[in-house]
C-alpha atoms as a PDB file:
ATOM      1  CA  MET A   1     137.516  93.274  92.718  1.00  0.00           C
ATOM      2  CA  ALA A   2     135.784  90.084  91.553  1.00  0.00           C
ATOM      3  CA  VAL A   3     138.277  87.391  90.524  1.00  0.00           C
ATOM      4  CA  HIS A   4     136.932  84.747  88.134  1.00  0.00           C
ATOM      5  CA  ALA A   5     138.289  81.829  86.154  1.00  0.00           C
ATOM      6  CA  HIS A   6     136.599  82.225  82.745  1.00  0.00           C
ATOM      7  CA  PRO A   7     134.540  84.722  80.767  1.00  0.00           C
ATOM      8  CA  ASP A   8     130.885  84.104  81.792  1.00  0.00           C
ATOM      9  CA  ASP A   9     131.716  83.299  85.453  1.00  0.00           C
ATOM     10  CA  GLU A  10     131.364  86.985  86.344  1.00  0.00           C
ATOM     11  CA  SER A  11     127.787  86.875  85.009  1.00  0.00           C
ATOM     12  CA  SER A  12     126.670  83.641  86.674  1.00  0.00           C
ATOM     13  CA  LYS A  13     128.264  84.290  90.077  1.00  0.00           C
ATOM     14  CA  GLY A  14     127.675  87.564  91.895  1.00  0.00           C
ATOM     15  CA  ALA A  15     126.682  89.636  88.855  1.00  0.00           C
ATOM     16  CA  ALA A  16     123.739  91.422  90.471  1.00  0.00           C
ATOM     17  CA  THR A  17     125.995  92.375  93.385  1.00  0.00           C
ATOM     18  CA  THR A  18     128.597  93.931  91.122  1.00  0.00           C
ATOM     19  CA  ALA A  19     125.905  95.790  89.157  1.00  0.00           C
ATOM     20  CA  ARG A  20     124.460  97.108  92.416  1.00  0.00           C
ATOM     21  CA  TYR A  21     127.798  98.442  93.631  1.00  0.00           C
ATOM     22  CA  VAL A  22     128.504 100.104  90.287  1.00  0.00           C
ATOM     23  CA  HIS A  23     125.093 101.776  90.573  1.00  0.00           C
ATOM     24  CA  ASP A  24     125.943 102.865  94.119  1.00  0.00           C
ATOM     25  CA  GLY A  25     129.116 104.560  92.910  1.00  0.00           C
ATOM     26  CA  ALA A  26     131.779 101.975  93.719  1.00  0.00           C
ATOM     27  CA  GLU A  27     134.544 101.124  91.305  1.00  0.00           C
ATOM     28  CA  VAL A  28     134.292  97.442  90.412  1.00  0.00           C
ATOM     29  CA  LEU A  29     136.946  95.485  88.528  1.00  0.00           C
ATOM     30  CA  VAL A  30     136.337  91.993  87.174  1.00  0.00           C
ATOM     31  CA  VAL A  31     139.544  90.017  86.733  1.00  0.00           C
ATOM     32  CA  THR A  32     139.270  87.029  84.364  1.00  0.00           C
ATOM     33  CA  CYS A  33     142.158  84.605  84.837  1.00  0.00           C
ATOM     34  CA  THR A  34     141.851  82.723  81.528  1.00  0.00           C
ATOM     35  CA  GLY A  35     140.343  83.256  78.101  1.00  0.00           C
ATOM     36  CA  GLY A  36     138.063  80.227  78.229  1.00  0.00           C
ATOM     37  CA  GLU A  37     139.913  78.829  75.223  1.00  0.00           C
ATOM     38  CA  ARG A  38     139.054  75.211  75.978  1.00  0.00           C
ATOM     39  CA  GLY A  39     135.430  75.738  76.908  1.00  0.00           C
ATOM     40  CA  ASP A  40     132.621  73.871  75.196  1.00  0.00           C
ATOM     41  CA  VAL A  41     129.756  75.570  73.377  1.00  0.00           C
ATOM     42  CA  LEU A  42     126.924  74.971  75.842  1.00  0.00           C
ATOM     43  CA  ASN A  43     124.140  76.706  73.933  1.00  0.00           C
ATOM     44  CA  PRO A  44     122.605  73.965  71.757  1.00  0.00           C
ATOM     45  CA  LYS A  45     121.512  76.534  69.167  1.00  0.00           C
ATOM     46  CA  LEU A  46     125.138  77.516  68.473  1.00  0.00           C
ATOM     47  CA  LYS A  47     126.967  74.184  68.617  1.00  0.00           C
ATOM     48  CA  ASP A  48     127.482  73.947  64.841  1.00  0.00           C
ATOM     49  CA  ASP A  49     128.037  77.625  64.102  1.00  0.00           C
ATOM     50  CA  PRO A  50     131.116  77.728  61.807  1.00  0.00           C
ATOM     51  CA  HIS A  51     132.297  81.136  63.026  1.00  0.00           C
ATOM     52  CA  ILE A  52     132.295  79.969  66.633  1.00  0.00           C
ATOM     53  CA  THR A  53     133.994  76.701  65.747  1.00  0.00           C
ATOM     54  CA  ARG A  54     136.663  78.581  63.802  1.00  0.00           C
ATOM     55  CA  ASP A  55     137.479  81.231  66.419  1.00  0.00           C
ATOM     56  CA  LEU A  56     136.032  80.501  69.854  1.00  0.00           C
ATOM     57  CA  VAL A  57     138.687  82.629  71.556  1.00  0.00           C
ATOM     58  CA  GLU A  58     137.704  85.802  69.716  1.00  0.00           C
ATOM     59  CA  VAL A  59     133.998  85.040  70.109  1.00  0.00           C
ATOM     60  CA  ARG A  60     134.346  84.710  73.861  1.00  0.00           C
ATOM     61  CA  ARG A  61     136.284  87.966  74.079  1.00  0.00           C
ATOM     62  CA  GLY A  62     133.426  89.709  72.315  1.00  0.00           C
ATOM     63  CA  GLU A  63     130.931  88.117  74.672  1.00  0.00           C
ATOM     64  CA  MET A  64     132.954  89.308  77.662  1.00  0.00           C
ATOM     65  CA  ALA A  65     132.979  92.873  76.329  1.00  0.00           C
ATOM     66  CA  ARG A  66     129.187  92.822  76.018  1.00  0.00           C
ATOM     67  CA  ALA A  67     128.757  91.404  79.523  1.00  0.00           C
ATOM     68  CA  GLN A  68     131.128  94.038  80.893  1.00  0.00           C
ATOM     69  CA  ALA A  69     128.990  96.754  79.308  1.00  0.00           C
ATOM     70  CA  ALA A  70     125.795  95.207  80.689  1.00  0.00           C
ATOM     71  CA  LEU A  71     127.149  95.212  84.252  1.00  0.00           C
ATOM     72  CA  GLY A  72     128.983  98.535  84.015  1.00  0.00           C
ATOM     73  CA  VAL A  73     132.174  97.090  85.485  1.00  0.00           C
ATOM     74  CA  ASP A  74     135.811  97.545  84.549  1.00  0.00           C
ATOM     75  CA  HIS A  75     137.533  94.424  83.277  1.00  0.00           C
ATOM     76  CA  THR A  76     140.975  92.960  82.753  1.00  0.00           C
ATOM     77  CA  TRP A  77     142.361  89.645  81.501  1.00  0.00           C
ATOM     78  CA  LEU A  78     145.037  88.061  83.670  1.00  0.00           C
ATOM     79  CA  GLY A  79     146.327  86.298  80.561  1.00  0.00           C
ATOM     80  CA  PHE A  80     146.512  82.609  81.482  1.00  0.00           C
ATOM     81  CA  VAL A  81     145.333  79.709  79.309  1.00  0.00           C
ATOM     82  CA  ASP A  82     142.204  77.680  80.059  1.00  0.00           C
ATOM     83  CA  SER A  83     143.008  74.247  81.530  1.00  0.00           C
ATOM     84  CA  GLY A  84     139.883  72.553  80.213  1.00  0.00           C
ATOM     85  CA  LEU A  85     137.778  70.157  82.290  1.00  0.00           C
ATOM     86  CA  PRO A  86     139.320  66.679  82.117  1.00  0.00           C
ATOM     87  CA  GLU A  87     136.938  63.741  81.985  1.00  0.00           C
ATOM     88  CA  GLY A  88     137.448  59.997  82.218  1.00  0.00           C
ATOM     89  CA  ASP A  89     138.759  57.412  84.647  1.00  0.00           C
ATOM     90  CA  PRO A  90     141.631  57.776  85.035  1.00  0.00           C
ATOM     91  CA  LEU A  91     141.603  61.485  84.319  1.00  0.00           C
ATOM     92  CA  PRO A  92     143.824  62.522  81.421  1.00  0.00           C
ATOM     93  CA  PRO A  93     146.725  64.892  82.143  1.00  0.00           C
ATOM     94  CA  LEU A  94     146.123  68.598  81.835  1.00  0.00           C
ATOM     95  CA  PRO A  95     147.665  70.362  78.828  1.00  0.00           C
ATOM     96  CA  THR A  96     151.130  71.830  79.226  1.00  0.00           C
ATOM     97  CA  GLY A  97     151.117  75.571  79.868  1.00  0.00           C
ATOM     98  CA  CYS A  98     147.562  75.737  81.235  1.00  0.00           C
ATOM     99  CA  PHE A  99     146.521  77.910  84.176  1.00  0.00           C
ATOM    100  CA  TYR A 100     146.290  75.097  86.722  1.00  0.00           C
ATOM    101  CA  LEU A 101     149.873  74.024  86.025  1.00  0.00           C
ATOM    102  CA  GLU A 102     151.343  77.506  86.339  1.00  0.00           C
ATOM    103  CA  PRO A 103     153.646  77.889  89.361  1.00  0.00           C
ATOM    104  CA  LEU A 104     151.573  79.483  92.104  1.00  0.00           C
ATOM    105  CA  GLU A 105     154.040  82.336  92.534  1.00  0.00           C
ATOM    106  CA  VAL A 106     153.819  83.227  88.825  1.00  0.00           C
ATOM    107  CA  ALA A 107     150.025  83.424  88.804  1.00  0.00           C
ATOM    108  CA  THR A 108     149.982  85.161  92.193  1.00  0.00           C
ATOM    109  CA  GLU A 109     152.356  87.866  90.993  1.00  0.00           C
ATOM    110  CA  ALA A 110     150.045  88.647  88.081  1.00  0.00           C
ATOM    111  CA  LEU A 111     147.076  89.158  90.411  1.00  0.00           C
ATOM    112  CA  VAL A 112     149.165  91.086  92.952  1.00  0.00           C
ATOM    113  CA  ARG A 113     150.005  93.549  90.163  1.00  0.00           C
ATOM    114  CA  GLU A 114     146.304  94.103  89.500  1.00  0.00           C
ATOM    115  CA  ILE A 115     145.491  94.501  93.194  1.00  0.00           C
ATOM    116  CA  ARG A 116     148.241  97.073  93.662  1.00  0.00           C
ATOM    117  CA  ARG A 117     147.156  98.916  90.520  1.00  0.00           C
ATOM    118  CA  PHE A 118     143.399  98.930  91.239  1.00  0.00           C
ATOM    119  CA  ARG A 119     143.680  99.127  95.078  1.00  0.00           C
ATOM    120  CA  PRO A 120     140.427  97.356  96.045  1.00  0.00           C
ATOM    121  CA  HIS A 121     139.112  97.239  99.600  1.00  0.00           C
ATOM    122  CA  VAL A 122     137.099  94.049  98.940  1.00  0.00           C
ATOM    123  CA  ILE A 123     137.898  90.955  96.847  1.00  0.00           C
ATOM    124  CA  THR A 124     135.455  88.167  95.952  1.00  0.00           C
ATOM    125  CA  THR A 125     136.356  84.767  94.517  1.00  0.00           C
ATOM    126  CA  TYR A 126     135.524  81.033  94.842  1.00  0.00           C
ATOM    127  CA  ASP A 127     135.964  78.668  97.771  1.00  0.00           C
ATOM    128  CA  GLU A 128     138.834  76.173  97.946  1.00  0.00           C
ATOM    129  CA  ASN A 129     136.841  73.645  95.922  1.00  0.00           C
ATOM    130  CA  GLY A 130     136.325  76.210  93.193  1.00  0.00           C
ATOM    131  CA  GLY A 131     132.568  76.321  93.722  1.00  0.00           C
ATOM    132  CA  TYR A 132     132.719  73.163  91.641  1.00  0.00           C
ATOM    133  CA  PRO A 133     135.926  71.235  90.999  1.00  0.00           C
ATOM    134  CA  HIS A 134     137.060  72.681  87.679  1.00  0.00           C
ATOM    135  CA  PRO A 135     140.863  73.000  87.782  1.00  0.00           C
ATOM    136  CA  ASP A 136     140.756  76.679  86.798  1.00  0.00           C
ATOM    137  CA  HIS A 137     138.258  77.471  89.546  1.00  0.00           C
ATOM    138  CA  VAL A 138     140.408  75.715  92.131  1.00  0.00           C
ATOM    139  CA  MET A 139     143.485  77.576  90.896  1.00  0.00           C
ATOM    140  CA  THR A 140     141.568  80.869  90.994  1.00  0.00           C
ATOM    141  CA  ASN A 141     140.925  80.313  94.687  1.00  0.00           C
ATOM    142  CA  ARG A 142     144.561  79.520  95.416  1.00  0.00           C
ATOM    143  CA  VAL A 143     145.826  82.530  93.519  1.00  0.00           C
ATOM    144  CA  SER A 144     143.250  84.888  95.051  1.00  0.00           C
ATOM    145  CA  VAL A 145     144.048  83.858  98.613  1.00  0.00           C
ATOM    146  CA  ALA A 146     147.798  84.076  98.021  1.00  0.00           C
ATOM    147  CA  ALA A 147     147.515  87.467  96.332  1.00  0.00           C
ATOM    148  CA  PHE A 148     145.243  88.861  99.057  1.00  0.00           C
ATOM    149  CA  GLU A 149     147.892  87.971 101.617  1.00  0.00           C
ATOM    150  CA  ALA A 150     150.878  89.128  99.522  1.00  0.00           C
ATOM    151  CA  ALA A 151     149.599  92.404  98.048  1.00  0.00           C
ATOM    152  CA  GLY A 152     150.165  94.378 101.246  1.00  0.00           C
ATOM    153  CA  ASP A 153     153.528  92.833 102.042  1.00  0.00           C
ATOM    154  CA  PRO A 154     156.427  95.075 100.923  1.00  0.00           C
ATOM    155  CA  GLN A 155     158.703  92.022 100.881  1.00  0.00           C
ATOM    156  CA  ALA A 156     156.469  90.113  98.466  1.00  0.00           C
ATOM    157  CA  TYR A 157     156.910  90.840  94.750  1.00  0.00           C
ATOM    158  CA  PRO A 158     158.566  94.243  95.407  1.00  0.00           C
ATOM    159  CA  HIS A 159     158.781  94.920  91.659  1.00  0.00           C
ATOM    160  CA  ALA A 160     155.008  94.462  91.203  1.00  0.00           C
ATOM    161  CA  GLY A 161     153.868  97.883  92.395  1.00  0.00           C
ATOM    162  CA  GLU A 162     153.367  99.817  95.611  1.00  0.00           C
ATOM    163  CA  PRO A 163     151.997  97.555  98.384  1.00  0.00           C
ATOM    164  CA  TRP A 164     148.249  97.692  98.943  1.00  0.00           C
ATOM    165  CA  GLN A 165     146.350  95.573 101.467  1.00  0.00           C
ATOM    166  CA  PRO A 166     142.752  94.671 100.591  1.00  0.00           C
ATOM    167  CA  LEU A 167     140.604  94.614 103.704  1.00  0.00           C
ATOM    168  CA  LYS A 168     138.110  91.782 103.146  1.00  0.00           C
ATOM    169  CA  LEU A 169     138.094  88.529 101.162  1.00  0.00           C
ATOM    170  CA  TYR A 170     134.843  86.720 100.372  1.00  0.00           C
ATOM    171  CA  TYR A 171     133.903  83.443  98.747  1.00  0.00           C
ATOM    172  CA  ILE A 172     130.883  83.651  96.446  1.00  0.00           C
ATOM    173  CA  GLY A 173     128.078  81.360  97.624  1.00  0.00           C
ATOM    174  CA  GLY A 174     125.334  81.714  95.043  1.00  0.00           C
ATOM    175  CA  PHE A 175     124.247  78.077  94.654  1.00  0.00           C
ATOM    176  CA  SER A 176     123.235  77.164  98.193  1.00  0.00           C
ATOM    177  CA  ARG A 177     120.795  74.292  98.557  1.00  0.00           C
ATOM    178  CA  GLU A 178     118.329  76.548 100.399  1.00  0.00           C
ATOM    179  CA  ARG A 179     118.251  78.975  97.473  1.00  0.00           C
ATOM    180  CA  MET A 180     117.931  76.255  94.850  1.00  0.00           C
ATOM    181  CA  GLU A 181     115.123  74.573  96.783  1.00  0.00           C
ATOM    182  CA  ALA A 182     113.290  77.898  96.990  1.00  0.00           C
ATOM    183  CA  LEU A 183     113.599  78.399  93.218  1.00  0.00           C
ATOM    184  CA  HIS A 184     112.563  74.785  92.633  1.00  0.00           C
ATOM    185  CA  GLU A 185     109.371  75.248  94.661  1.00  0.00           C
ATOM    186  CA  ALA A 186     108.626  78.514  92.873  1.00  0.00           C
ATOM    187  CA  ILE A 187     108.778  76.806  89.479  1.00  0.00           C
ATOM    188  CA  LEU A 188     106.469  74.042  90.661  1.00  0.00           C
ATOM    189  CA  GLU A 189     104.005  76.677  91.875  1.00  0.00           C
ATOM    190  CA  LEU A 190     103.954  78.037  88.325  1.00  0.00           C
ATOM    191  CA  GLY A 191     102.899  74.608  87.122  1.00  0.00           C
ATOM    192  CA  LYS A 192     106.142  74.125  85.214  1.00  0.00           C
ATOM    193  CA  GLU A 193     108.725  71.372  85.236  1.00  0.00           C
ATOM    194  CA  SER A 194     111.694  72.256  87.439  1.00  0.00           C
ATOM    195  CA  PRO A 195     115.171  72.071  85.889  1.00  0.00           C
ATOM    196  CA  PHE A 196     116.687  71.722  89.365  1.00  0.00           C
ATOM    197  CA  VAL A 197     115.487  68.186  90.156  1.00  0.00           C
ATOM    198  CA  ASP A 198     118.696  66.452  89.094  1.00  0.00           C
ATOM    199  CA  TRP A 199     120.868  69.075  90.815  1.00  0.00           C
ATOM    200  CA  LEU A 200     118.962  68.734  94.088  1.00  0.00           C
ATOM    201  CA  GLU A 201     119.186  64.944  93.961  1.00  0.00           C
ATOM    202  CA  ARG A 202     122.878  64.998  93.103  1.00  0.00           C
ATOM    203  CA  THR A 203     123.736  67.343  95.983  1.00  0.00           C
ATOM    204  CA  LYS A 204     121.543  65.731  98.630  1.00  0.00           C
ATOM    205  CA  GLY A 205     123.444  65.418 101.896  1.00  0.00           C
ATOM    206  CA  ARG A 206     126.335  67.560 100.746  1.00  0.00           C
ATOM    207  CA  PRO A 207     127.641  69.847 103.533  1.00  0.00           C
ATOM    208  CA  GLN A 208     126.714  73.472 103.007  1.00  0.00           C
ATOM    209  CA  ARG A 209     129.136  76.381 103.103  1.00  0.00           C
ATOM    210  CA  PRO A 210     128.596  78.894 105.910  1.00  0.00           C
ATOM    211  CA  VAL A 211     127.046  82.181 104.793  1.00  0.00           C
ATOM    212  CA  THR A 212     127.948  85.447 106.515  1.00  0.00           C
ATOM    213  CA  THR A 213     126.693  88.064 104.082  1.00  0.00           C
ATOM    214  CA  TRP A 214     123.409  88.517 102.212  1.00  0.00           C
ATOM    215  CA  VAL A 215     123.602  91.382  99.702  1.00  0.00           C
ATOM    216  CA  PRO A 216     120.191  92.752  98.572  1.00  0.00           C
ATOM    217  CA  CYS A 217     120.417  93.159  94.793  1.00  0.00           C
ATOM    218  CA  SER A 218     117.100  92.145  93.217  1.00  0.00           C
ATOM    219  CA  ASP A 219     116.827  95.513  91.439  1.00  0.00           C
ATOM    220  CA  PHE A 220     119.752  94.339  89.313  1.00  0.00           C
ATOM    221  CA  PHE A 221     118.551  90.867  88.323  1.00  0.00           C
ATOM    222  CA  ASP A 222     117.659  92.143  84.846  1.00  0.00           C
ATOM    223  CA  GLN A 223     121.193  93.470  84.381  1.00  0.00           C
ATOM    224  CA  ARG A 224     122.549  90.133  85.562  1.00  0.00           C
ATOM    225  CA  ASP A 225     120.433  88.354  82.962  1.00  0.00           C
ATOM    226  CA  ASP A 226     121.547  90.748  80.215  1.00  0.00           C
ATOM    227  CA  ALA A 227     125.136  89.906  81.113  1.00  0.00           C
ATOM    228  CA  LEU A 228     124.373  86.188  81.111  1.00  0.00           C
ATOM    229  CA  ARG A 229     122.793  86.373  77.670  1.00  0.00           C
ATOM    230  CA  SER A 230     125.864  88.203  76.425  1.00  0.00           C
ATOM    231  CA  HIS A 231     127.734  84.906  76.795  1.00  0.00           C
ATOM    232  CA  ALA A 232     125.690  83.258  74.083  1.00  0.00           C
ATOM    233  CA  THR A 233     128.071  80.318  73.589  1.00  0.00           C
ATOM    234  CA  GLN A 234     127.917  79.421  77.279  1.00  0.00           C
ATOM    235  CA  ILE A 235     124.342  80.197  78.320  1.00  0.00           C
ATOM    236  CA  ASP A 236     121.227  78.523  76.948  1.00  0.00           C
ATOM    237  CA  PRO A 237     118.585  81.296  76.717  1.00  0.00           C
ATOM    238  CA  ASP A 238     115.955  78.657  77.488  1.00  0.00           C
ATOM    239  CA  GLY A 239     117.964  77.177  80.364  1.00  0.00           C
ATOM    240  CA  PHE A 240     117.637  77.063  84.140  1.00  0.00           C
ATOM    241  CA  PHE A 241     119.090  80.534  84.744  1.00  0.00           C
ATOM    242  CA  PHE A 242     115.899  82.054  83.348  1.00  0.00           C
ATOM    243  CA  ALA A 243     113.354  79.495  84.564  1.00  0.00           C
ATOM    244  CA  VAL A 244     111.983  81.669  87.389  1.00  0.00           C
ATOM    245  CA  PRO A 245     110.750  85.178  86.456  1.00  0.00           C
ATOM    246  CA  ASN A 246     112.817  87.903  88.066  1.00  0.00           C
ATOM    247  CA  ASP A 247     109.856  89.474  89.851  1.00  0.00           C
ATOM    248  CA  MET A 248     109.240  86.134  91.558  1.00  0.00           C
ATOM    249  CA  GLN A 249     112.939  85.741  92.352  1.00  0.00           C
ATOM    250  CA  ALA A 250     112.872  89.211  93.911  1.00  0.00           C
ATOM    251  CA  ARG A 251     110.076  88.102  96.238  1.00  0.00           C
ATOM    252  CA  ILE A 252     111.478  84.741  97.290  1.00  0.00           C
ATOM    253  CA  TRP A 253     115.252  85.284  97.140  1.00  0.00           C
ATOM    254  CA  PRO A 254     116.283  88.937  96.674  1.00  0.00           C
ATOM    255  CA  THR A 255     119.926  88.526  97.729  1.00  0.00           C
ATOM    256  CA  GLU A 256     123.258  87.070  96.666  1.00  0.00           C
ATOM    257  CA  GLU A 257     125.250  85.299  99.361  1.00  0.00           C
ATOM    258  CA  TYR A 258     128.905  85.364 100.413  1.00  0.00           C
ATOM    259  CA  GLU A 259     131.217  83.792 102.968  1.00  0.00           C
ATOM    260  CA  LEU A 260     133.632  86.184 104.667  1.00  0.00           C
ATOM    261  CA  VAL A 261     136.925  84.317 105.040  1.00  0.00           C
ATOM    262  CA  LEU A 262     139.459  87.013 105.886  1.00  0.00           C
ATOM    263  CA  SER A 263     139.002  90.516 107.222  1.00  0.00           C
ATOM    264  CA  HIS A 264     141.230  93.250 108.550  1.00  0.00           C
ATOM    265  CA  VAL A 265     138.247  95.196 109.936  1.00  0.00           C
ATOM    266  CA  ARG A 266     135.718  94.288 112.598  1.00  0.00           C
ATOM    267  CA  THR A 267     132.351  93.148 111.302  1.00  0.00           C
ATOM    268  CA  ASP A 268     129.093  91.697 112.595  1.00  0.00           C
ATOM    269  CA  ASP A 269     128.337  87.989 112.389  1.00  0.00           C
ATOM    270  CA  ARG A 270     125.631  88.704 109.803  1.00  0.00           C
ATOM    271  CA  GLU A 271     126.203  91.335 107.116  1.00  0.00           C
ATOM    272  CA  ASP A 272     124.145  92.833 104.294  1.00  0.00           C
ATOM    273  CA  ASP A 273     127.009  94.725 102.649  1.00  0.00           C
ATOM    274  CA  LEU A 274     130.431  93.597 101.401  1.00  0.00           C
ATOM    275  CA  PHE A 275     131.805  96.931 102.639  1.00  0.00           C
ATOM    276  CA  ALA A 276     130.420  96.505 106.165  1.00  0.00           C
ATOM    277  CA  GLY A 277     132.947  97.633 108.748  1.00  0.00           C
ATOM    278  CA  ILE A 278     134.955  99.755 106.314  1.00  0.00           C
ATOM    279  CA  PRO A 279     134.492 103.463 107.102  1.00  0.00           C
ATOM    280  CA  PRO A 280     134.527 105.644 103.965  1.00  0.00           C
ATOM    281  CA  SER A 281     137.671 107.415 105.151  1.00  0.00           C
ATOM    282  CA  LEU A 282     139.537 104.274 106.218  1.00  0.00           C
ATOM    283  CA  SER A 283     142.722 103.581 104.303  1.00  0.00           C
ATOM    284  CA  ALA A 284     144.329 100.186 104.027  1.00  0.00           C
ATOM    285  CA  ALA A 285     147.215 101.345 106.211  1.00  0.00           C
ATOM    286  CA  ASP A 286     144.825 102.521 108.931  1.00  0.00           C
ATOM    287  CA  ALA A 287     142.990  99.210 108.844  1.00  0.00           C
ATOM    288  CA  LEU A 288     146.152  97.176 109.145  1.00  0.00           C
ATOM    289  CA  ALA A 289     147.121  99.157 112.228  1.00  0.00           C
ATOM    290  CA  GLU A 290     143.867  98.007 113.853  1.00  0.00           C
ATOM    291  CA  ARG A 291     143.603  94.573 112.232  1.00  0.00           C
ATOM    292  CA  THR A 292     141.523  91.994 114.037  1.00  0.00           C
ATOM    293  CA  ASP A 293     142.435  88.433 114.853  1.00  0.00           C
ATOM    294  CA  LEU A 294     140.054  86.961 112.269  1.00  0.00           C
ATOM    295  CA  GLU A 295     141.832  84.184 110.399  1.00  0.00           C
ATOM    296  CA  LEU A 296     141.173  82.489 107.110  1.00  0.00           C
ATOM    297  CA  VAL A 297     138.212  80.182 107.649  1.00  0.00           C
ATOM    298  CA  ARG A 298     138.574  76.506 106.706  1.00  0.00           C
ATOM    299  CA  ASP A 299     135.446  74.661 107.810  1.00  0.00           C
ATOM    300  CA  ASP A 300     136.622  71.243 109.031  1.00  0.00           C
ATOM    301  CA  ARG A 301     133.184  69.778 108.342  1.00  0.00           C
ATOM    302  CA  ILE A 302     133.682  70.238 104.622  1.00  0.00           C
ATOM    303  CA  ALA A 303     135.976  67.591 103.211  1.00  0.00           C
ATOM    304  CA  PRO A 304     137.843  68.842 100.150  1.00  0.00           C
ATOM    305  CA  THR A 305     136.460  67.361  96.933  1.00  0.00           C
ATOM    306  CA  VAL A 306     139.226  68.754  94.761  1.00  0.00           C
ATOM    307  CA  LYS A 307     140.873  66.335  92.362  1.00  0.00           C
ATOM    308  CA  GLU A 308     144.543  66.801  91.584  1.00  0.00           C
ATOM    309  CA  TRP A 309     145.041  66.714  87.831  1.00  0.00           C
ATOM    310  CA  ALA A 310     148.767  67.357  87.673  1.00  0.00           C
END
């Protein structure tokens, strides 16, 4: 189960991994917490399209359906409303009824229902800063962590389905500085201007998240890109996502990276598979009987950058 904030996040964060596991025979469910109702049109070629301006919600639902087909995943909407990305100093208040302002227990119950229905062994989501500090990304982290811990507890949300304990929770780590520097150098070697210069300058000195898991998935970069292009309002087809040819990416950076933050099975310090440590015949109940002492990781070196909008 891959839990994301908006339609298009599933295609820009961990998409090749999900496509790989679908190919390998796993069931993969993408959960989208909001409809992206307050998103901007980021593709300059579509900014003044009257159809998009008139009905962005429906357009983004169609884009999500096409991305779902490209990746081969199952998909569900959690049903919350996009919070938007507030800008200004001071920041304006978030709109009433948005995802970030939902009581945590309300949003958690909705995800617990999906976990108990789908019964995943592995869940992926964002770190506590949301990957970047968009309120919906931050809320997605909070809800995912709370639901991971509650789904197997018979006392928690007893009306929300039969308890099911996922076995591993990961944070997606796709935009590490090491990876972006490698792509930057590859573009320069092609004699082209790198679109990553500003990003690298802006993030200089920023502490890096620990990485525990490198999933080989370069055979699925084309599927990832098809999914990205499906989100035409959000992805510039001439933008940085497509600056480095996929055959070159496969040579210099053939993996997607993750941070294991909670596990009920024993694993190695360095993994190449999100399902590492989970025997094919292992049930959630069996795993809980042998659960390890691994606790939720909060790296003290990383100061939270989350802004509180409420």
